[in-house]
């Protein structure tokens, strides 16, 4: 797990990720499946393979890092689906993309 202390909206927080940039699509680009007509559930890592080097999303002029050596940038913090922000670093739980959909509430979007 990669971690860094950053200032986020004026507060000191810890940002953490699993360092798997090659699997990071971005929260607005990760492919998913529509379920029950109004739930978008993102797909597991093993269903997707490698993510594009540039998924076409940017945050504050920053794109997806080329490797975890560039962690963190604004894209990591605000767009990456693999990262979390926590005030208490002891409470960090990273999202897991190997679990079945019902065990991934972080990756469920209720649509209109």
Foldseek 3Di string as FASTA:
>chain_A
DDWDWDQDPNATKIKDFPFPLQQWLWLVGAQFDDDPNFKTFGAASVVPDTHDCFNPDDDPNDTRDNGSVPPDDRCSDHITQQMDIGRDPVPDDTAHRVDPRVVGPSGMDGHD
